[in-house]
Amino acid sequence: MSILSRLFGPKPEISAKPAEHAVIVAFAYIGSTDLDPLFALESQLESAINAARVGEYDGNEVAVDGSDGTLYMYGPDADKLFAVVRPVLEACSFMKGATVKLRYGPPADGVHEITVQLAS
């Protein structure tokens, strides 16, 4: 035992950070470069996620021609996060038929994932 350990006690153990789950939505956009409808959806998603305190909305990727896109959301529980954002997504016309991937852990090989298709 070192002198520091005797004076201050043993080092506290550092707990591991909780696994970061994800909800990733791949969708066909409206074929337009007008992103105002997407920004409106993002605002609704952020509000719902923040109000429920289930994670964070991280952003989007949209094709230059407006043909398709992806939304990224993260939190400690993919199921709870999806339960909060699903009604918002289903109420949005350009989310019809979107594919939602729920990832139960960090991005790595072998991490459990499921895929859900939103109604068309």
PDB file of N, CA and C in Angstrom:
ATOM      1  N   MET A   1       0.864  -1.171   0.000  1.00  0.00           N
ATOM      2  CA  MET A   1       0.000   0.000   0.000  1.00  0.00           C
ATOM      3  C   MET A   1       0.904   1.225   0.000  1.00  0.00           C
ATOM      4  N   SER A   2       0.638   2.159  -0.889  1.00  0.00           N
ATOM      5  CA  SER A   2       1.462   3.354  -0.993  1.00  0.00           C
ATOM      6  C   SER A   2       1.083   4.349   0.087  1.00  0.00           C
ATOM      7  N   ILE A   3       1.944   5.337   0.267  1.00  0.00           N
ATOM      8  CA  ILE A   3       1.702   6.377   1.267  1.00  0.00           C
ATOM      9  C   ILE A   3       0.420   7.148   0.940  1.00  0.00           C
ATOM     10  N   LEU A   4       0.170   7.384  -0.355  1.00  0.00           N
ATOM     11  CA  LEU A   4      -1.044   8.095  -0.752  1.00  0.00           C
ATOM     12  C   LEU A   4      -2.291   7.286  -0.421  1.00  0.00           C
ATOM     13  N   SER A   5      -2.229   5.987  -0.637  1.00  0.00           N
ATOM     14  CA  SER A   5      -3.369   5.140  -0.310  1.00  0.00           C
ATOM     15  C   SER A   5      -3.648   5.170   1.186  1.00  0.00           C
ATOM     16  N   ARG A   6      -2.588   5.193   1.985  1.00  0.00           N
ATOM     17  CA  ARG A   6      -2.782   5.243   3.442  1.00  0.00           C
ATOM     18  C   ARG A   6      -3.381   6.572   3.867  1.00  0.00           C
ATOM     19  N   LEU A   7      -2.960   7.663   3.211  1.00  0.00           N
ATOM     20  CA  LEU A   7      -3.471   8.981   3.588  1.00  0.00           C
ATOM     21  C   LEU A   7      -4.894   9.231   3.078  1.00  0.00           C
ATOM     22  N   PHE A   8      -5.145   8.856   1.822  1.00  0.00           N
ATOM     23  CA  PHE A   8      -6.421   9.198   1.202  1.00  0.00           C
ATOM     24  C   PHE A   8      -7.344   8.011   0.962  1.00  0.00           C
ATOM     25  N   GLY A   9      -6.925   6.836   1.282  1.00  0.00           N
ATOM     26  CA  GLY A   9      -7.730   5.652   1.024  1.00  0.00           C
ATOM     27  C   GLY A   9      -7.472   5.125  -0.369  1.00  0.00           C
ATOM     28  N   PRO A  10      -8.026   3.966  -0.671  1.00  0.00           N
ATOM     29  CA  PRO A  10      -7.809   3.385  -1.999  1.00  0.00           C
ATOM     30  C   PRO A  10      -8.507   4.205  -3.081  1.00  0.00           C
ATOM     31  N   LYS A  11      -7.992   4.083  -4.302  1.00  0.00           N
ATOM     32  CA  LYS A  11      -8.598   4.769  -5.445  1.00  0.00           C
ATOM     33  C   LYS A  11     -10.013   4.261  -5.652  1.00  0.00           C
ATOM     34  N   PRO A  12     -10.942   5.178  -5.900  1.00  0.00           N
ATOM     35  CA  PRO A  12     -12.290   4.691  -6.218  1.00  0.00           C
ATOM     36  C   PRO A  12     -12.271   4.015  -7.584  1.00  0.00           C
ATOM     37  N   GLU A  13     -13.082   2.979  -7.723  1.00  0.00           N
ATOM     38  CA  GLU A  13     -13.166   2.308  -9.015  1.00  0.00           C
ATOM     39  C   GLU A  13     -13.985   3.165  -9.961  1.00  0.00           C
ATOM     40  N   ILE A  14     -13.527   3.250 -11.164  1.00  0.00           N
ATOM     41  CA  ILE A  14     -14.236   4.025 -12.175  1.00  0.00           C
ATOM     42  C   ILE A  14     -15.237   3.094 -12.839  1.00  0.00           C
ATOM     43  N   SER A  15     -16.507   3.478 -12.783  1.00  0.00           N
ATOM     44  CA  SER A  15     -17.527   2.624 -13.387  1.00  0.00           C
ATOM     45  C   SER A  15     -17.537   2.825 -14.898  1.00  0.00           C
ATOM     46  N   ALA A  16     -17.881   1.764 -15.583  1.00  0.00           N
ATOM     47  CA  ALA A  16     -17.949   1.828 -17.042  1.00  0.00           C
ATOM     48  C   ALA A  16     -19.144   2.672 -17.467  1.00  0.00           C
ATOM     49  N   LYS A  17     -18.959   3.392 -18.540  1.00  0.00           N
ATOM     50  CA  LYS A  17     -20.032   4.202 -19.107  1.00  0.00           C
ATOM     51  C   LYS A  17     -21.118   3.253 -19.625  1.00  0.00           C
ATOM     52  N   PRO A  18     -22.405   3.598 -19.419  1.00  0.00           N
ATOM     53  CA  PRO A  18     -23.450   2.708 -19.916  1.00  0.00           C
ATOM     54  C   PRO A  18     -23.372   2.574 -21.434  1.00  0.00           C
ATOM     55  N   ALA A  19     -23.785   1.433 -21.923  1.00  0.00           N
ATOM     56  CA  ALA A  19     -23.757   1.187 -23.363  1.00  0.00           C
ATOM     57  C   ALA A  19     -24.599   2.222 -24.080  1.00  0.00           C
ATOM     58  N   GLU A  20     -24.111   2.727 -25.185  1.00  0.00           N
ATOM     59  CA  GLU A  20     -24.848   3.710 -25.956  1.00  0.00           C
ATOM     60  C   GLU A  20     -25.675   3.004 -27.012  1.00  0.00           C
ATOM     61  N   HIS A  21     -26.977   3.025 -26.813  1.00  0.00           N
ATOM     62  CA  HIS A  21     -27.898   2.446 -27.775  1.00  0.00           C
ATOM     63  C   HIS A  21     -28.201   3.483 -28.844  1.00  0.00           C
ATOM     64  N   ALA A  22     -28.757   3.011 -29.950  1.00  0.00           N
ATOM     65  CA  ALA A  22     -29.064   3.922 -31.054  1.00  0.00           C
ATOM     66  C   ALA A  22     -30.395   3.573 -31.690  1.00  0.00           C
ATOM     67  N   VAL A  23     -31.046   4.600 -32.221  1.00  0.00           N
ATOM     68  CA  VAL A  23     -32.202   4.449 -33.099  1.00  0.00           C
ATOM     69  C   VAL A  23     -31.822   5.196 -34.371  1.00  0.00           C
ATOM     70  N   ILE A  24     -31.701   4.449 -35.466  1.00  0.00           N
ATOM     71  CA  ILE A  24     -31.248   5.010 -36.736  1.00  0.00           C
ATOM     72  C   ILE A  24     -32.348   4.782 -37.767  1.00  0.00           C
ATOM     73  N   VAL A  25     -32.817   5.865 -38.353  1.00  0.00           N
ATOM     74  CA  VAL A  25     -33.965   5.814 -39.268  1.00  0.00           C
ATOM     75  C   VAL A  25     -33.502   6.107 -40.695  1.00  0.00           C
ATOM     76  N   ALA A  26     -33.712   5.150 -41.592  1.00  0.00           N
ATOM     77  CA  ALA A  26     -33.417   5.343 -43.023  1.00  0.00           C
ATOM     78  C   ALA A  26     -34.746   5.567 -43.735  1.00  0.00           C
ATOM     79  N   PHE A  27     -34.840   6.648 -44.505  1.00  0.00           N
ATOM     80  CA  PHE A  27     -36.120   7.004 -45.110  1.00  0.00           C
ATOM     81  C   PHE A  27     -35.934   7.544 -46.516  1.00  0.00           C
ATOM     82  N   ALA A  28     -37.017   7.441 -47.311  1.00  0.00           N
ATOM     83  CA  ALA A  28     -37.063   8.061 -48.631  1.00  0.00           C
ATOM     84  C   ALA A  28     -37.599   9.467 -48.410  1.00  0.00           C
ATOM     85  N   TYR A  29     -36.817  10.458 -48.817  1.00  0.00           N
ATOM     86  CA  TYR A  29     -37.274  11.832 -48.631  1.00  0.00           C
ATOM     87  C   TYR A  29     -38.239  12.180 -49.761  1.00  0.00           C
ATOM     88  N   ILE A  30     -38.674  13.387 -49.796  1.00  0.00           N
ATOM     89  CA  ILE A  30     -39.715  13.791 -50.737  1.00  0.00           C
ATOM     90  C   ILE A  30     -39.165  14.154 -52.114  1.00  0.00           C
ATOM     91  N   GLY A  31     -37.886  13.835 -52.341  1.00  0.00           N
ATOM     92  CA  GLY A  31     -37.288  14.116 -53.643  1.00  0.00           C
ATOM     93  C   GLY A  31     -37.105  15.594 -53.898  1.00  0.00           C
ATOM     94  N   SER A  32     -36.919  16.339 -52.839  1.00  0.00           N
ATOM     95  CA  SER A  32     -36.777  17.786 -52.940  1.00  0.00           C
ATOM     96  C   SER A  32     -35.553  18.219 -52.149  1.00  0.00           C
ATOM     97  N   THR A  33     -34.975  19.318 -52.534  1.00  0.00           N
ATOM     98  CA  THR A  33     -33.863  19.859 -51.761  1.00  0.00           C
ATOM     99  C   THR A  33     -34.360  20.860 -50.717  1.00  0.00           C
ATOM    100  N   ASP A  34     -35.682  21.022 -50.594  1.00  0.00           N
ATOM    101  CA  ASP A  34     -36.276  21.857 -49.556  1.00  0.00           C
ATOM    102  C   ASP A  34     -36.258  21.056 -48.256  1.00  0.00           C
ATOM    103  N   LEU A  35     -35.402  21.453 -47.337  1.00  0.00           N
ATOM    104  CA  LEU A  35     -35.252  20.700 -46.098  1.00  0.00           C
ATOM    105  C   LEU A  35     -36.118  21.215 -44.957  1.00  0.00           C
ATOM    106  N   ASP A  36     -36.972  22.203 -45.220  1.00  0.00           N
ATOM    107  CA  ASP A  36     -37.830  22.732 -44.151  1.00  0.00           C
ATOM    108  C   ASP A  36     -38.702  21.660 -43.497  1.00  0.00           C
ATOM    109  N   PRO A  37     -39.344  20.746 -44.263  1.00  0.00           N
ATOM    110  CA  PRO A  37     -40.126  19.697 -43.604  1.00  0.00           C
ATOM    111  C   PRO A  37     -39.264  18.796 -42.710  1.00  0.00           C
ATOM    112  N   LEU A  38     -38.042  18.515 -43.149  1.00  0.00           N
ATOM    113  CA  LEU A  38     -37.131  17.705 -42.343  1.00  0.00           C
ATOM    114  C   LEU A  38     -36.742  18.447 -41.067  1.00  0.00           C
ATOM    115  N   PHE A  39     -36.442  19.738 -41.177  1.00  0.00           N
ATOM    116  CA  PHE A  39     -36.077  20.519 -39.996  1.00  0.00           C
ATOM    117  C   PHE A  39     -37.230  20.586 -39.000  1.00  0.00           C
ATOM    118  N   ALA A  40     -38.456  20.661 -39.495  1.00  0.00           N
ATOM    119  CA  ALA A  40     -39.631  20.671 -38.618  1.00  0.00           C
ATOM    120  C   ALA A  40     -39.739  19.339 -37.871  1.00  0.00           C
ATOM    121  N   LEU A  41     -39.513  18.238 -38.586  1.00  0.00           N
ATOM    122  CA  LEU A  41     -39.533  16.920 -37.953  1.00  0.00           C
ATOM    123  C   LEU A  41     -38.437  16.827 -36.894  1.00  0.00           C
ATOM    124  N   GLU A  42     -37.243  17.284 -37.215  1.00  0.00           N
ATOM    125  CA  GLU A  42     -36.140  17.243 -36.256  1.00  0.00           C
ATOM    126  C   GLU A  42     -36.481  18.001 -34.974  1.00  0.00           C
ATOM    127  N   SER A  43     -37.115  19.135 -35.121  1.00  0.00           N
ATOM    128  CA  SER A  43     -37.514  19.926 -33.959  1.00  0.00           C
ATOM    129  C   SER A  43     -38.499  19.149 -33.091  1.00  0.00           C
ATOM    130  N   GLN A  44     -39.449  18.466 -33.711  1.00  0.00           N
ATOM    131  CA  GLN A  44     -40.411  17.652 -32.969  1.00  0.00           C
ATOM    132  C   GLN A  44     -39.724  16.486 -32.266  1.00  0.00           C
ATOM    133  N   LEU A  45     -38.788  15.841 -32.954  1.00  0.00           N
ATOM    134  CA  LEU A  45     -38.057  14.723 -32.353  1.00  0.00           C
ATOM    135  C   LEU A  45     -37.243  15.190 -31.145  1.00  0.00           C
ATOM    136  N   GLU A  46     -36.522  16.295 -31.313  1.00  0.00           N
ATOM    137  CA  GLU A  46     -35.728  16.835 -30.207  1.00  0.00           C
ATOM    138  C   GLU A  46     -36.600  17.158 -29.001  1.00  0.00           C
ATOM    139  N   SER A  47     -37.734  17.783 -29.242  1.00  0.00           N
ATOM    140  CA  SER A  47     -38.643  18.139 -28.150  1.00  0.00           C
ATOM    141  C   SER A  47     -39.148  16.900 -27.424  1.00  0.00           C
ATOM    142  N   ALA A  48     -39.570  15.889 -28.179  1.00  0.00           N
ATOM    143  CA  ALA A  48     -40.094  14.664 -27.578  1.00  0.00           C
ATOM    144  C   ALA A  48     -39.015  13.926 -26.779  1.00  0.00           C
ATOM    145  N   ILE A  49     -37.817  13.817 -27.335  1.00  0.00           N
ATOM    146  CA  ILE A  49     -36.712  13.121 -26.670  1.00  0.00           C
ATOM    147  C   ILE A  49     -36.308  13.859 -25.399  1.00  0.00           C
ATOM    148  N   ASN A  50     -36.185  15.183 -25.487  1.00  0.00           N
ATOM    149  CA  ASN A  50     -35.794  15.972 -24.313  1.00  0.00           C
ATOM    150  C   ASN A  50     -36.851  15.927 -23.227  1.00  0.00           C
ATOM    151  N   ALA A  51     -38.124  16.020 -23.605  1.00  0.00           N
ATOM    152  CA  ALA A  51     -39.205  15.993 -22.612  1.00  0.00           C
ATOM    153  C   ALA A  51     -39.240  14.657 -21.872  1.00  0.00           C
ATOM    154  N   ALA A  52     -38.995  13.568 -22.598  1.00  0.00           N
ATOM    155  CA  ALA A  52     -39.021  12.234 -21.984  1.00  0.00           C
ATOM    156  C   ALA A  52     -37.690  11.863 -21.334  1.00  0.00           C
ATOM    157  N   ARG A  53     -36.647  12.649 -21.592  1.00  0.00           N
ATOM    158  CA  ARG A  53     -35.307  12.406 -21.037  1.00  0.00           C
ATOM    159  C   ARG A  53     -34.806  10.989 -21.335  1.00  0.00           C
ATOM    160  N   VAL A  54     -34.900  10.615 -22.612  1.00  0.00           N
ATOM    161  CA  VAL A  54     -34.502   9.274 -23.028  1.00  0.00           C
ATOM    162  C   VAL A  54     -33.255   9.247 -23.906  1.00  0.00           C
ATOM    163  N   GLY A  55     -32.641  10.398 -24.136  1.00  0.00           N
ATOM    164  CA  GLY A  55     -31.449  10.416 -24.971  1.00  0.00           C
ATOM    165  C   GLY A  55     -31.294  11.732 -25.677  1.00  0.00           C
ATOM    166  N   GLU A  56     -30.759  11.645 -26.914  1.00  0.00           N
ATOM    167  CA  GLU A  56     -30.537  12.863 -27.680  1.00  0.00           C
ATOM    168  C   GLU A  56     -30.722  12.599 -29.168  1.00  0.00           C
ATOM    169  N   TYR A  57     -31.175  13.642 -29.853  1.00  0.00           N
ATOM    170  CA  TYR A  57     -31.235  13.621 -31.306  1.00  0.00           C
ATOM    171  C   TYR A  57     -29.892  14.132 -31.789  1.00  0.00           C
ATOM    172  N   ASP A  58     -29.216  13.356 -32.663  1.00  0.00           N
ATOM    173  CA  ASP A  58     -27.855  13.713 -33.060  1.00  0.00           C
ATOM    174  C   ASP A  58     -27.762  14.386 -34.423  1.00  0.00           C
ATOM    175  N   GLY A  59     -28.725  14.167 -35.307  1.00  0.00           N
ATOM    176  CA  GLY A  59     -28.647  14.824 -36.597  1.00  0.00           C
ATOM    177  C   GLY A  59     -29.097  13.946 -37.738  1.00  0.00           C
ATOM    178  N   ASN A  60     -28.804  14.418 -38.956  1.00  0.00           N
ATOM    179  CA  ASN A  60     -29.264  13.724 -40.155  1.00  0.00           C
ATOM    180  C   ASN A  60     -28.192  13.705 -41.221  1.00  0.00           C
ATOM    181  N   GLU A  61     -28.430  12.868 -42.193  1.00  0.00           N
ATOM    182  CA  GLU A  61     -27.697  12.867 -43.453  1.00  0.00           C
ATOM    183  C   GLU A  61     -28.764  12.777 -44.529  1.00  0.00           C
ATOM    184  N   VAL A  62     -28.702  13.667 -45.505  1.00  0.00           N
ATOM    185  CA  VAL A  62     -29.671  13.662 -46.599  1.00  0.00           C
ATOM    186  C   VAL A  62     -28.905  13.734 -47.911  1.00  0.00           C
ATOM    187  N   ALA A  63     -29.335  12.925 -48.871  1.00  0.00           N
ATOM    188  CA  ALA A  63     -28.710  12.938 -50.195  1.00  0.00           C
ATOM    189  C   ALA A  63     -28.840  14.324 -50.809  1.00  0.00           C
ATOM    190  N   VAL A  64     -27.849  14.725 -51.577  1.00  0.00           N
ATOM    191  CA  VAL A  64     -27.825  16.042 -52.211  1.00  0.00           C
ATOM    192  C   VAL A  64     -29.076  16.269 -53.058  1.00  0.00           C
ATOM    193  N   ASP A  65     -29.557  15.217 -53.712  1.00  0.00           N
ATOM    194  CA  ASP A  65     -30.744  15.367 -54.563  1.00  0.00           C
ATOM    195  C   ASP A  65     -32.054  15.234 -53.782  1.00  0.00           C
ATOM    196  N   GLY A  66     -31.972  15.030 -52.465  1.00  0.00           N
ATOM    197  CA  GLY A  66     -33.163  14.933 -51.638  1.00  0.00           C
ATOM    198  C   GLY A  66     -33.890  13.607 -51.746  1.00  0.00           C
ATOM    199  N   SER A  67     -33.253  12.591 -52.301  1.00  0.00           N
ATOM    200  CA  SER A  67     -33.933  11.315 -52.528  1.00  0.00           C
ATOM    201  C   SER A  67     -34.094  10.467 -51.271  1.00  0.00           C
ATOM    202  N   ASP A  68     -33.134  10.512 -50.379  1.00  0.00           N
ATOM    203  CA  ASP A  68     -33.227   9.708 -49.164  1.00  0.00           C
ATOM    204  C   ASP A  68     -32.418  10.342 -48.044  1.00  0.00           C
ATOM    205  N   GLY A  69     -32.580   9.782 -46.854  1.00  0.00           N
ATOM    206  CA  GLY A  69     -31.857  10.331 -45.714  1.00  0.00           C
ATOM    207  C   GLY A  69     -31.816   9.369 -44.552  1.00  0.00           C
ATOM    208  N   THR A  70     -31.101   9.785 -43.519  1.00  0.00           N
ATOM    209  CA  THR A  70     -30.945   9.006 -42.307  1.00  0.00           C
ATOM    210  C   THR A  70     -30.983   9.950 -41.114  1.00  0.00           C
ATOM    211  N   LEU A  71     -31.670   9.529 -40.046  1.00  0.00           N
ATOM    212  CA  LEU A  71     -31.719  10.272 -38.786  1.00  0.00           C
ATOM    213  C   LEU A  71     -31.012   9.456 -37.712  1.00  0.00           C
ATOM    214  N   TYR A  72     -30.325  10.128 -36.794  1.00  0.00           N
ATOM    215  CA  TYR A  72     -29.547   9.455 -35.757  1.00  0.00           C
ATOM    216  C   TYR A  72     -29.974   9.940 -34.373  1.00  0.00           C
ATOM    217  N   MET A  73     -30.315   8.982 -33.508  1.00  0.00           N
ATOM    218  CA  MET A  73     -30.690   9.276 -32.131  1.00  0.00           C
ATOM    219  C   MET A  73     -29.998   8.280 -31.213  1.00  0.00           C
ATOM    220  N   TYR A  74     -29.574   8.753 -30.050  1.00  0.00           N
ATOM    221  CA  TYR A  74     -28.813   7.911 -29.127  1.00  0.00           C
ATOM    222  C   TYR A  74     -29.328   8.068 -27.703  1.00  0.00           C
ATOM    223  N   GLY A  75     -29.187   7.002 -26.923  1.00  0.00           N
ATOM    224  CA  GLY A  75     -29.574   7.039 -25.522  1.00  0.00           C
ATOM    225  C   GLY A  75     -29.212   5.728 -24.846  1.00  0.00           C
ATOM    226  N   PRO A  76     -29.500   5.613 -23.556  1.00  0.00           N
ATOM    227  CA  PRO A  76     -29.136   4.404 -22.822  1.00  0.00           C
ATOM    228  C   PRO A  76     -30.071   3.219 -23.063  1.00  0.00           C
ATOM    229  N   ASP A  77     -31.246   3.439 -23.677  1.00  0.00           N
ATOM    230  CA  ASP A  77     -32.217   2.360 -23.888  1.00  0.00           C
ATOM    231  C   ASP A  77     -32.926   2.570 -25.226  1.00  0.00           C
ATOM    232  N   ALA A  78     -32.557   1.776 -26.216  1.00  0.00           N
ATOM    233  CA  ALA A  78     -33.109   1.937 -27.565  1.00  0.00           C
ATOM    234  C   ALA A  78     -34.626   1.752 -27.585  1.00  0.00           C
ATOM    235  N   ASP A  79     -35.141   0.827 -26.794  1.00  0.00           N
ATOM    236  CA  ASP A  79     -36.581   0.593 -26.792  1.00  0.00           C
ATOM    237  C   ASP A  79     -37.349   1.803 -26.257  1.00  0.00           C
ATOM    238  N   LYS A  80     -36.885   2.391 -25.176  1.00  0.00           N
ATOM    239  CA  LYS A  80     -37.548   3.576 -24.615  1.00  0.00           C
ATOM    240  C   LYS A  80     -37.445   4.754 -25.576  1.00  0.00           C
ATOM    241  N   LEU A  81     -36.283   4.925 -26.182  1.00  0.00           N
ATOM    242  CA  LEU A  81     -36.082   6.007 -27.143  1.00  0.00           C
ATOM    243  C   LEU A  81     -37.032   5.838 -28.328  1.00  0.00           C
ATOM    244  N   PHE A  82     -37.127   4.629 -28.861  1.00  0.00           N
ATOM    245  CA  PHE A  82     -38.004   4.392 -30.005  1.00  0.00           C
ATOM    246  C   PHE A  82     -39.470   4.573 -29.623  1.00  0.00           C
ATOM    247  N   ALA A  83     -39.850   4.164 -28.424  1.00  0.00           N
ATOM    248  CA  ALA A  83     -41.237   4.346 -27.978  1.00  0.00           C
ATOM    249  C   ALA A  83     -41.629   5.821 -27.977  1.00  0.00           C
ATOM    250  N   VAL A  84     -40.675   6.690 -27.670  1.00  0.00           N
ATOM    251  CA  VAL A  84     -40.942   8.133 -27.644  1.00  0.00           C
ATOM    252  C   VAL A  84     -41.003   8.722 -29.051  1.00  0.00           C
ATOM    253  N   VAL A  85     -40.100   8.315 -29.932  1.00  0.00           N
ATOM    254  CA  VAL A  85     -40.037   8.938 -31.263  1.00  0.00           C
ATOM    255  C   VAL A  85     -40.952   8.280 -32.292  1.00  0.00           C
ATOM    256  N   ARG A  86     -41.371   7.071 -32.053  1.00  0.00           N
ATOM    257  CA  ARG A  86     -42.203   6.364 -33.043  1.00  0.00           C
ATOM    258  C   ARG A  86     -43.471   7.139 -33.415  1.00  0.00           C
ATOM    259  N   PRO A  87     -44.255   7.649 -32.450  1.00  0.00           N
ATOM    260  CA  PRO A  87     -45.461   8.390 -32.853  1.00  0.00           C
ATOM    261  C   PRO A  87     -45.143   9.641 -33.675  1.00  0.00           C
ATOM    262  N   VAL A  88     -44.037  10.289 -33.395  1.00  0.00           N
ATOM    263  CA  VAL A  88     -43.629  11.477 -34.150  1.00  0.00           C
ATOM    264  C   VAL A  88     -43.275  11.073 -35.584  1.00  0.00           C
ATOM    265  N   LEU A  89     -42.535   9.991 -35.719  1.00  0.00           N
ATOM    266  CA  LEU A  89     -42.154   9.508 -37.042  1.00  0.00           C
ATOM    267  C   LEU A  89     -43.379   9.071 -37.841  1.00  0.00           C
ATOM    268  N   GLU A  90     -44.284   8.330 -37.202  1.00  0.00           N
ATOM    269  CA  GLU A  90     -45.454   7.808 -37.912  1.00  0.00           C
ATOM    270  C   GLU A  90     -46.417   8.914 -38.342  1.00  0.00           C
ATOM    271  N   ALA A  91     -46.371  10.058 -37.678  1.00  0.00           N
ATOM    272  CA  ALA A  91     -47.240  11.178 -38.040  1.00  0.00           C
ATOM    273  C   ALA A  91     -46.690  11.987 -39.213  1.00  0.00           C
ATOM    274  N   CYS A  92     -45.464  11.702 -39.622  1.00  0.00           N
ATOM    275  CA  CYS A  92     -44.796  12.460 -40.681  1.00  0.00           C
ATOM    276  C   CYS A  92     -44.959  11.741 -42.021  1.00  0.00           C
ATOM    277  N   SER A  93     -45.480  12.442 -43.032  1.00  0.00           N
ATOM    278  CA  SER A  93     -45.785  11.817 -44.318  1.00  0.00           C
ATOM    279  C   SER A  93     -44.573  11.190 -45.001  1.00  0.00           C
ATOM    280  N   PHE A  94     -43.415  11.832 -44.948  1.00  0.00           N
ATOM    281  CA  PHE A  94     -42.267  11.260 -45.663  1.00  0.00           C
ATOM    282  C   PHE A  94     -41.541  10.170 -44.871  1.00  0.00           C
ATOM    283  N   MET A  95     -42.061   9.817 -43.703  1.00  0.00           N
ATOM    284  CA  MET A  95     -41.506   8.700 -42.940  1.00  0.00           C
ATOM    285  C   MET A  95     -42.244   7.392 -43.204  1.00  0.00           C
ATOM    286  N   LYS A  96     -43.290   7.437 -44.032  1.00  0.00           N
ATOM    287  CA  LYS A  96     -44.040   6.221 -44.369  1.00  0.00           C
ATOM    288  C   LYS A  96     -43.093   5.210 -45.006  1.00  0.00           C
ATOM    289  N   GLY A  97     -43.065   3.992 -44.461  1.00  0.00           N
ATOM    290  CA  GLY A  97     -42.213   2.934 -44.988  1.00  0.00           C
ATOM    291  C   GLY A  97     -40.755   3.022 -44.583  1.00  0.00           C
ATOM    292  N   ALA A  98     -40.413   3.954 -43.702  1.00  0.00           N
ATOM    293  CA  ALA A  98     -39.015   4.090 -43.256  1.00  0.00           C
ATOM    294  C   ALA A  98     -38.569   2.829 -42.513  1.00  0.00           C
ATOM    295  N   THR A  99     -37.279   2.575 -42.570  1.00  0.00           N
ATOM    296  CA  THR A  99     -36.678   1.451 -41.865  1.00  0.00           C
ATOM    297  C   THR A  99     -35.965   1.990 -40.627  1.00  0.00           C
ATOM    298  N   VAL A 100     -36.291   1.427 -39.461  1.00  0.00           N
ATOM    299  CA  VAL A 100     -35.715   1.884 -38.195  1.00  0.00           C
ATOM    300  C   VAL A 100     -34.858   0.764 -37.622  1.00  0.00           C
ATOM    301  N   LYS A 101     -33.588   1.073 -37.380  1.00  0.00           N
ATOM    302  CA  LYS A 101     -32.683   0.104 -36.761  1.00  0.00           C
ATOM    303  C   LYS A 101     -32.504   0.482 -35.295  1.00  0.00           C
ATOM    304  N   LEU A 102     -32.778  -0.450 -34.399  1.00  0.00           N
ATOM    305  CA  LEU A 102     -32.523  -0.269 -32.976  1.00  0.00           C
ATOM    306  C   LEU A 102     -31.259  -1.061 -32.646  1.00  0.00           C
ATOM    307  N   ARG A 103     -30.250  -0.364 -32.177  1.00  0.00           N
ATOM    308  CA  ARG A 103     -28.970  -0.997 -31.841  1.00  0.00           C
ATOM    309  C   ARG A 103     -28.815  -0.968 -30.328  1.00  0.00           C
ATOM    310  N   TYR A 104     -28.556  -2.125 -29.734  1.00  0.00           N
ATOM    311  CA  TYR A 104     -28.495  -2.276 -28.282  1.00  0.00           C
ATOM    312  C   TYR A 104     -27.056  -2.330 -27.775  1.00  0.00           C
ATOM    313  N   GLY A 105     -26.330  -1.260 -27.999  1.00  0.00           N
ATOM    314  CA  GLY A 105     -24.949  -1.173 -27.565  1.00  0.00           C
ATOM    315  C   GLY A 105     -24.178  -0.266 -28.499  1.00  0.00           C
ATOM    316  N   PRO A 106     -22.877  -0.177 -28.292  1.00  0.00           N
ATOM    317  CA  PRO A 106     -22.061   0.701 -29.137  1.00  0.00           C
ATOM    318  C   PRO A 106     -21.902   0.112 -30.537  1.00  0.00           C
ATOM    319  N   PRO A 107     -21.493   0.943 -31.492  1.00  0.00           N
ATOM    320  CA  PRO A 107     -21.302   0.421 -32.845  1.00  0.00           C
ATOM    321  C   PRO A 107     -20.103  -0.527 -32.884  1.00  0.00           C
ATOM    322  N   ALA A 108     -20.392  -1.804 -32.944  1.00  0.00           N
ATOM    323  CA  ALA A 108     -19.340  -2.823 -32.969  1.00  0.00           C
ATOM    324  C   ALA A 108     -19.915  -4.103 -33.559  1.00  0.00           C
ATOM    325  N   ASP A 109     -19.052  -4.946 -34.059  1.00  0.00           N
ATOM    326  CA  ASP A 109     -19.490  -6.234 -34.588  1.00  0.00           C
ATOM    327  C   ASP A 109     -20.130  -7.050 -33.479  1.00  0.00           C
ATOM    328  N   GLY A 110     -21.217  -7.715 -33.818  1.00  0.00           N
ATOM    329  CA  GLY A 110     -21.865  -8.612 -32.878  1.00  0.00           C
ATOM    330  C   GLY A 110     -22.841  -7.958 -31.910  1.00  0.00           C
ATOM    331  N   VAL A 111     -22.996  -6.628 -31.967  1.00  0.00           N
ATOM    332  CA  VAL A 111     -23.953  -5.951 -31.090  1.00  0.00           C
ATOM    333  C   VAL A 111     -25.359  -6.259 -31.602  1.00  0.00           C
ATOM    334  N   HIS A 112     -26.249  -6.610 -30.680  1.00  0.00           N
ATOM    335  CA  HIS A 112     -27.625  -6.970 -31.043  1.00  0.00           C
ATOM    336  C   HIS A 112     -28.345  -5.787 -31.677  1.00  0.00           C
ATOM    337  N   GLU A 113     -29.031  -6.059 -32.787  1.00  0.00           N
ATOM    338  CA  GLU A 113     -29.805  -5.040 -33.492  1.00  0.00           C
ATOM    339  C   GLU A 113     -31.108  -5.655 -33.959  1.00  0.00           C
ATOM    340  N   ILE A 114     -32.138  -4.840 -34.033  1.00  0.00           N
ATOM    341  CA  ILE A 114     -33.375  -5.271 -34.679  1.00  0.00           C
ATOM    342  C   ILE A 114     -33.787  -4.178 -35.673  1.00  0.00           C
ATOM    343  N   THR A 115     -34.570  -4.564 -36.667  1.00  0.00           N
ATOM    344  CA  THR A 115     -35.044  -3.615 -37.668  1.00  0.00           C
ATOM    345  C   THR A 115     -36.565  -3.631 -37.661  1.00  0.00           C
ATOM    346  N   VAL A 116     -37.140  -2.430 -37.670  1.00  0.00           N
ATOM    347  CA  VAL A 116     -38.587  -2.242 -37.678  1.00  0.00           C
ATOM    348  C   VAL A 116     -38.949  -1.405 -38.895  1.00  0.00           C
ATOM    349  N   GLN A 117     -39.996  -1.798 -39.585  1.00  0.00           N
ATOM    350  CA  GLN A 117     -40.492  -1.039 -40.738  1.00  0.00           C
ATOM    351  C   GLN A 117     -41.711  -0.241 -40.294  1.00  0.00           C
ATOM    352  N   LEU A 118     -41.674   1.077 -40.525  1.00  0.00           N
ATOM    353  CA  LEU A 118     -42.854   1.897 -40.238  1.00  0.00           C
ATOM    354  C   LEU A 118     -43.914   1.630 -41.294  1.00  0.00           C
ATOM    355  N   ALA A 119     -45.160   1.761 -40.929  1.00  0.00           N
ATOM    356  CA  ALA A 119     -46.257   1.515 -41.856  1.00  0.00           C
ATOM    357  C   ALA A 119     -46.159   2.413 -43.082  1.00  0.00           C
ATOM    358  N   SER A 120     -46.553   1.853 -44.216  1.00  0.00           N
ATOM    359  CA  SER A 120     -46.532   2.611 -45.474  1.00  0.00           C
ATOM    360  C   SER A 120     -47.798   3.416 -45.636  1.00  0.00           C
TER     361      SER A 120
END
